[in-house]
C-alpha cells in the first residue's frame, strides 16, 4: 500500500519551497523580534520563541514517530544535549535578542550572518581541518550575499552607542558557529 503524503514528508514539496521557507523566516526574525520589544523584554521574547518552537518540535517528533531517537539522544548524550541547548539556543538567542536593544536591525543581521566565517575559524583551530580555497570562496560569497540582502533595508552604522549591541551580535554568531 503506498504511503500517503503528510506534512512531515518533505519529499512532496518542490525544492524551491524548502529553500524559501527558512530564508523568509530567518530574514524576518530580526525585524519581528525588535517590533515585539514594545510589549515584551528581550529575554521574554527569546523564551516565548523557544517555547513555541519546542511545542512544534514535540508535535513533529511524535507525529513523525521519532520519539525513540530523541529519547536515545537524551539518554546517551545528556551533557552534549545540555551544552548545545545552553550555547546553541539559550545563549545564542538571549545575546541576539539583547543585541537588538543596543544596535540596529541591520547591524544585528549583518553580524549574525558571520556564522559561516566563525564556523570556518573554529573548525581550523579546534578540529584541525584544512581549508580549501573553494570553501573560503563559498563562505565569502555567501557572507557577501547575506550582507547585501541585510543592508538593502538600511546602512550598517558604526557608532559608539551600538558597540554593546554589535558585540552581543558577534557573540551570538560565535555561539551559532559553536552550535
Foldseek 3Di string as FASTA:
>chain_A
DDDDDDPLPCVVPDVVVVVPVVCVVVVCVLVVLLVCCVPDALLVSLVVVVVVVVVVVVVSCVVVVNVVVVVCCCVVPVVVVVVCCCLVRVLLSSLLSVLVVQAPSLLLQLLLLCLLVLLVVCCCVPVVDDDDPVSVVVSVVSSVVSNVVSCVVHHHDDDPSSVSSNVSSNSSSNSNSVD
